[in-house]
Amino acid sequence: MTTKTRSLSAATLILALGSALSLSTLATTAHAADDMQKCFGVAEAGKNDCAAGAGTTCAGTSKVKDQANAWKLVPAGTCAKTPSSTSPTGFGQEAAFTAKS
């Protein structure tokens, strides 16, 4: 086996291992998402999980605590029990809402 062949074999092994690890992480993430739901109005400023409407583009872009159009993933069934200082009900919502005055 030449040095070039050995280097190529090592690189191939590293790529294969990296791909396998990526796929196992993907499966775990997909399973975790099944047990989670979007909950609007409960994220700390800068801690939302993704796109949330005007003024935000993705994770970490909410401007204020409990921003009404910013969501955070929470365990399924807990959103309506999670406190929110901006929600009309005082708890997280399953859809974006107009913040109370």
N, C-alpha and C. Protein backbone atom coordinates (compact mmCIF):
# COMPACT_ATOMS: atom_id res chain seq x y z
N MET A 1 0.85 -1.18 0.00
CA MET A 1 0.00 0.00 0.00
C MET A 1 0.89 1.24 0.00
N THR A 2 0.65 2.14 -0.91
CA THR A 2 1.47 3.35 -0.98
C THR A 2 0.96 4.38 0.01
N THR A 3 1.76 5.42 0.22
CA THR A 3 1.37 6.50 1.14
C THR A 3 0.12 7.19 0.64
N LYS A 4 0.04 7.39 -0.69
CA LYS A 4 -1.13 8.04 -1.26
C LYS A 4 -2.38 7.20 -1.04
N THR A 5 -2.29 5.90 -1.23
CA THR A 5 -3.43 5.01 -1.04
C THR A 5 -3.84 4.98 0.42
N ARG A 6 -2.84 4.94 1.34
CA ARG A 6 -3.12 4.93 2.76
C ARG A 6 -3.84 6.21 3.18
N SER A 7 -3.39 7.35 2.67
CA SER A 7 -4.03 8.63 2.98
C SER A 7 -5.46 8.67 2.46
N LEU A 8 -5.66 8.15 1.27
CA LEU A 8 -6.99 8.12 0.68
C LEU A 8 -7.90 7.19 1.49
N SER A 9 -7.39 6.06 1.92
CA SER A 9 -8.19 5.13 2.73
C SER A 9 -8.55 5.76 4.07
N ALA A 10 -7.64 6.46 4.69
CA ALA A 10 -7.91 7.11 5.97
C ALA A 10 -8.95 8.21 5.79
N ALA A 11 -8.83 8.98 4.73
CA ALA A 11 -9.80 10.04 4.47
C ALA A 11 -11.19 9.45 4.21
N THR A 12 -11.25 8.36 3.47
CA THR A 12 -12.53 7.69 3.20
C THR A 12 -13.15 7.18 4.49
N LEU A 13 -12.33 6.61 5.36
CA LEU A 13 -12.83 6.11 6.64
C LEU A 13 -13.36 7.25 7.51
N ILE A 14 -12.67 8.36 7.54
CA ILE A 14 -13.10 9.51 8.33
C ILE A 14 -14.42 10.06 7.78
N LEU A 15 -14.55 10.17 6.48
CA LEU A 15 -15.79 10.65 5.87
C LEU A 15 -16.95 9.70 6.16
N ALA A 16 -16.70 8.40 6.07
CA ALA A 16 -17.76 7.43 6.34
C ALA A 16 -18.21 7.50 7.80
N LEU A 17 -17.26 7.63 8.71
CA LEU A 17 -17.59 7.73 10.13
C LEU A 17 -18.36 9.01 10.41
N GLY A 18 -17.93 10.11 9.81
CA GLY A 18 -18.64 11.38 9.99
C GLY A 18 -20.07 11.31 9.47
N SER A 19 -20.26 10.67 8.34
CA SER A 19 -21.61 10.53 7.78
C SER A 19 -22.49 9.68 8.68
N ALA A 20 -21.94 8.60 9.21
CA ALA A 20 -22.71 7.73 10.10
C ALA A 20 -23.12 8.49 11.35
N LEU A 21 -22.22 9.26 11.92
CA LEU A 21 -22.54 10.04 13.11
C LEU A 21 -23.59 11.09 12.81
N SER A 22 -23.51 11.73 11.67
CA SER A 22 -24.49 12.74 11.28
C SER A 22 -25.88 12.13 11.14
N LEU A 23 -25.96 10.97 10.54
CA LEU A 23 -27.25 10.30 10.36
C LEU A 23 -27.85 9.88 11.70
N SER A 24 -27.02 9.43 12.64
CA SER A 24 -27.57 9.04 13.94
C SER A 24 -28.07 10.26 14.70
N THR A 25 -27.41 11.39 14.57
CA THR A 25 -27.85 12.63 15.21
C THR A 25 -29.16 13.09 14.59
N LEU A 26 -29.29 12.98 13.28
CA LEU A 26 -30.50 13.37 12.58
C LEU A 26 -31.70 12.55 13.08
N ALA A 27 -31.52 11.26 13.25
CA ALA A 27 -32.61 10.41 13.73
C ALA A 27 -33.02 10.81 15.15
N THR A 28 -32.05 11.11 15.99
CA THR A 28 -32.35 11.53 17.36
C THR A 28 -33.09 12.85 17.37
N THR A 29 -32.68 13.81 16.54
CA THR A 29 -33.32 15.11 16.46
C THR A 29 -34.75 14.98 15.98
N ALA A 30 -34.98 14.14 14.97
CA ALA A 30 -36.33 13.95 14.45
C ALA A 30 -37.23 13.36 15.52
N HIS A 31 -36.72 12.42 16.30
CA HIS A 31 -37.51 11.82 17.37
C HIS A 31 -37.82 12.85 18.45
N ALA A 32 -36.83 13.66 18.81
CA ALA A 32 -37.04 14.68 19.84
C ALA A 32 -38.09 15.68 19.39
N ALA A 33 -38.12 16.02 18.10
CA ALA A 33 -39.09 16.99 17.59
C ALA A 33 -40.52 16.48 17.74
N ASP A 34 -40.72 15.17 17.70
CA ASP A 34 -42.05 14.61 17.87
C ASP A 34 -42.60 14.87 19.26
N ASP A 35 -41.72 15.00 20.23
CA ASP A 35 -42.12 15.21 21.62
C ASP A 35 -42.16 16.68 22.00
N MET A 36 -41.94 17.56 21.02
CA MET A 36 -41.85 19.00 21.28
C MET A 36 -42.91 19.74 20.47
N GLN A 37 -43.22 20.97 20.89
CA GLN A 37 -44.13 21.81 20.12
C GLN A 37 -43.65 23.25 20.18
N LYS A 38 -44.04 24.03 19.16
CA LYS A 38 -43.72 25.46 19.14
C LYS A 38 -44.61 26.16 20.16
N CYS A 39 -44.00 27.06 20.92
CA CYS A 39 -44.75 27.81 21.91
C CYS A 39 -44.35 29.28 21.79
N PHE A 40 -45.30 30.11 21.38
CA PHE A 40 -45.04 31.52 21.17
C PHE A 40 -45.14 32.30 22.48
N GLY A 41 -44.28 33.30 22.61
CA GLY A 41 -44.35 34.21 23.75
C GLY A 41 -43.68 33.72 25.02
N VAL A 42 -42.79 32.73 24.92
CA VAL A 42 -42.14 32.22 26.12
C VAL A 42 -40.61 32.26 26.07
N ALA A 43 -40.05 32.70 24.95
CA ALA A 43 -38.59 32.71 24.81
C ALA A 43 -37.98 33.94 25.47
N GLU A 44 -36.83 33.74 26.08
CA GLU A 44 -36.05 34.87 26.59
C GLU A 44 -35.56 35.67 25.38
N ALA A 45 -35.25 36.94 25.58
CA ALA A 45 -34.71 37.77 24.49
C ALA A 45 -33.46 37.10 23.92
N GLY A 46 -33.44 36.94 22.61
CA GLY A 46 -32.30 36.33 21.94
C GLY A 46 -32.22 34.82 22.08
N LYS A 47 -33.25 34.18 22.60
CA LYS A 47 -33.21 32.73 22.83
C LYS A 47 -34.32 31.98 22.09
N ASN A 48 -35.00 32.63 21.12
CA ASN A 48 -36.04 31.92 20.37
C ASN A 48 -35.40 30.85 19.49
N ASP A 49 -36.19 29.86 19.07
CA ASP A 49 -35.64 28.74 18.32
C ASP A 49 -35.54 28.95 16.82
N CYS A 50 -36.44 29.71 16.19
CA CYS A 50 -36.26 29.98 14.77
C CYS A 50 -37.20 31.07 14.29
N ALA A 51 -37.35 31.17 12.95
CA ALA A 51 -38.09 32.25 12.33
C ALA A 51 -39.36 32.59 13.09
N ALA A 52 -39.58 33.89 13.30
CA ALA A 52 -40.68 34.29 14.16
C ALA A 52 -41.42 35.52 13.67
N GLY A 53 -41.29 35.85 12.41
CA GLY A 53 -42.02 37.01 11.90
C GLY A 53 -41.16 38.25 11.80
N ALA A 54 -41.83 39.38 11.59
CA ALA A 54 -41.13 40.66 11.40
C ALA A 54 -40.17 40.94 12.55
N GLY A 55 -38.96 41.31 12.21
CA GLY A 55 -37.97 41.64 13.22
C GLY A 55 -37.11 40.47 13.65
N THR A 56 -37.45 39.27 13.20
CA THR A 56 -36.63 38.10 13.53
C THR A 56 -36.42 37.28 12.27
N THR A 57 -35.31 36.59 12.18
CA THR A 57 -35.04 35.77 11.01
C THR A 57 -34.83 34.31 11.36
N CYS A 58 -34.25 34.05 12.49
CA CYS A 58 -34.08 32.66 12.91
C CYS A 58 -33.65 32.61 14.36
N ALA A 59 -33.09 31.51 14.77
CA ALA A 59 -32.75 31.28 16.17
C ALA A 59 -31.96 32.44 16.77
N GLY A 60 -32.38 32.85 17.95
CA GLY A 60 -31.64 33.86 18.70
C GLY A 60 -31.86 35.29 18.26
N THR A 61 -32.91 35.57 17.50
CA THR A 61 -33.10 36.94 16.99
C THR A 61 -34.25 37.69 17.64
N SER A 62 -34.90 37.10 18.63
CA SER A 62 -35.98 37.84 19.30
C SER A 62 -35.38 39.02 20.06
N LYS A 63 -36.11 40.11 20.10
CA LYS A 63 -35.58 41.35 20.67
C LYS A 63 -35.92 41.54 22.15
N VAL A 64 -37.06 40.99 22.59
CA VAL A 64 -37.51 41.18 23.97
C VAL A 64 -37.94 39.85 24.58
N LYS A 65 -37.96 39.78 25.89
CA LYS A 65 -38.42 38.59 26.61
C LYS A 65 -39.90 38.36 26.28
N ASP A 66 -40.26 37.13 26.02
CA ASP A 66 -41.64 36.71 25.74
C ASP A 66 -42.23 37.41 24.51
N GLN A 67 -41.40 37.65 23.50
CA GLN A 67 -41.86 38.31 22.27
C GLN A 67 -42.99 37.50 21.65
N ALA A 68 -44.09 38.17 21.31
CA ALA A 68 -45.32 37.52 20.88
C ALA A 68 -45.19 36.74 19.57
N ASN A 69 -44.27 37.12 18.69
CA ASN A 69 -44.13 36.40 17.42
C ASN A 69 -42.89 35.51 17.38
N ALA A 70 -42.28 35.28 18.55
CA ALA A 70 -41.10 34.42 18.63
C ALA A 70 -41.47 33.14 19.37
N TRP A 71 -41.03 32.00 18.83
CA TRP A 71 -41.37 30.73 19.47
C TRP A 71 -40.15 30.01 19.99
N LYS A 72 -40.42 29.13 20.93
CA LYS A 72 -39.42 28.27 21.56
C LYS A 72 -40.01 26.87 21.56
N LEU A 73 -39.20 25.85 21.30
CA LEU A 73 -39.69 24.48 21.40
C LEU A 73 -39.80 24.10 22.87
N VAL A 74 -40.94 23.57 23.24
CA VAL A 74 -41.18 23.12 24.61
C VAL A 74 -41.74 21.70 24.55
N PRO A 75 -41.66 20.94 25.62
CA PRO A 75 -42.25 19.60 25.60
C PRO A 75 -43.75 19.67 25.24
N ALA A 76 -44.18 18.75 24.40
CA ALA A 76 -45.58 18.72 23.96
C ALA A 76 -46.52 18.73 25.16
N GLY A 77 -47.55 19.56 25.08
CA GLY A 77 -48.55 19.64 26.13
C GLY A 77 -48.25 20.63 27.24
N THR A 78 -47.08 21.30 27.17
CA THR A 78 -46.72 22.22 28.26
C THR A 78 -46.85 23.69 27.88
N CYS A 79 -47.08 23.99 26.61
CA CYS A 79 -47.11 25.38 26.17
C CYS A 79 -48.14 26.21 26.94
N ALA A 80 -49.35 25.72 27.03
CA ALA A 80 -50.43 26.47 27.68
C ALA A 80 -50.24 26.59 29.19
N LYS A 81 -49.20 25.92 29.72
CA LYS A 81 -48.91 26.00 31.15
C LYS A 81 -47.65 26.83 31.43
N THR A 82 -46.97 27.25 30.35
CA THR A 82 -45.72 28.00 30.48
C THR A 82 -46.03 29.49 30.59
N PRO A 83 -45.60 30.15 31.66
CA PRO A 83 -45.91 31.57 31.85
C PRO A 83 -45.36 32.47 30.74
N SER A 84 -46.12 33.49 30.39
CA SER A 84 -45.72 34.49 29.40
C SER A 84 -46.21 35.86 29.86
N SER A 85 -45.30 36.81 29.94
CA SER A 85 -45.67 38.15 30.39
C SER A 85 -46.38 38.97 29.31
N THR A 86 -46.36 38.50 28.06
CA THR A 86 -46.96 39.27 26.97
C THR A 86 -48.26 38.68 26.45
N SER A 87 -48.54 37.43 26.78
CA SER A 87 -49.73 36.75 26.27
C SER A 87 -51.00 37.24 26.96
N PRO A 88 -52.09 37.37 26.20
CA PRO A 88 -53.36 37.79 26.80
C PRO A 88 -53.83 36.84 27.91
N THR A 89 -53.44 35.56 27.82
CA THR A 89 -53.86 34.59 28.83
C THR A 89 -52.84 34.46 29.96
N GLY A 90 -51.65 35.04 29.76
CA GLY A 90 -50.59 34.90 30.75
C GLY A 90 -49.75 33.65 30.57
N PHE A 91 -50.05 32.88 29.49
CA PHE A 91 -49.32 31.65 29.21
C PHE A 91 -48.96 31.59 27.73
N GLY A 92 -48.03 30.70 27.39
CA GLY A 92 -47.61 30.53 26.01
C GLY A 92 -48.79 30.20 25.10
N GLN A 93 -48.60 30.49 23.82
CA GLN A 93 -49.65 30.25 22.81
C GLN A 93 -49.08 29.37 21.70
N GLU A 94 -49.94 28.61 21.03
CA GLU A 94 -49.50 27.75 19.93
C GLU A 94 -49.38 28.49 18.61
N ALA A 95 -49.73 29.77 18.57
CA ALA A 95 -49.58 30.60 17.37
C ALA A 95 -49.17 31.99 17.82
N ALA A 96 -48.56 32.74 16.88
CA ALA A 96 -48.18 34.12 17.19
C ALA A 96 -49.42 34.91 17.58
N PHE A 97 -49.25 35.90 18.43
CA PHE A 97 -50.38 36.69 18.93
C PHE A 97 -49.97 38.14 19.05
N THR A 98 -50.94 39.01 19.32
CA THR A 98 -50.67 40.41 19.58
C THR A 98 -50.43 40.55 21.07
N ALA A 99 -49.30 41.10 21.42
CA ALA A 99 -48.94 41.23 22.84
C ALA A 99 -49.91 42.15 23.56
N LYS A 100 -50.21 41.80 24.80
CA LYS A 100 -51.10 42.65 25.60
C LYS A 100 -50.39 43.95 25.95
N SER A 101 -51.15 44.99 26.14
CA SER A 101 -50.56 46.30 26.44
C SER A 101 -50.30 46.45 27.91
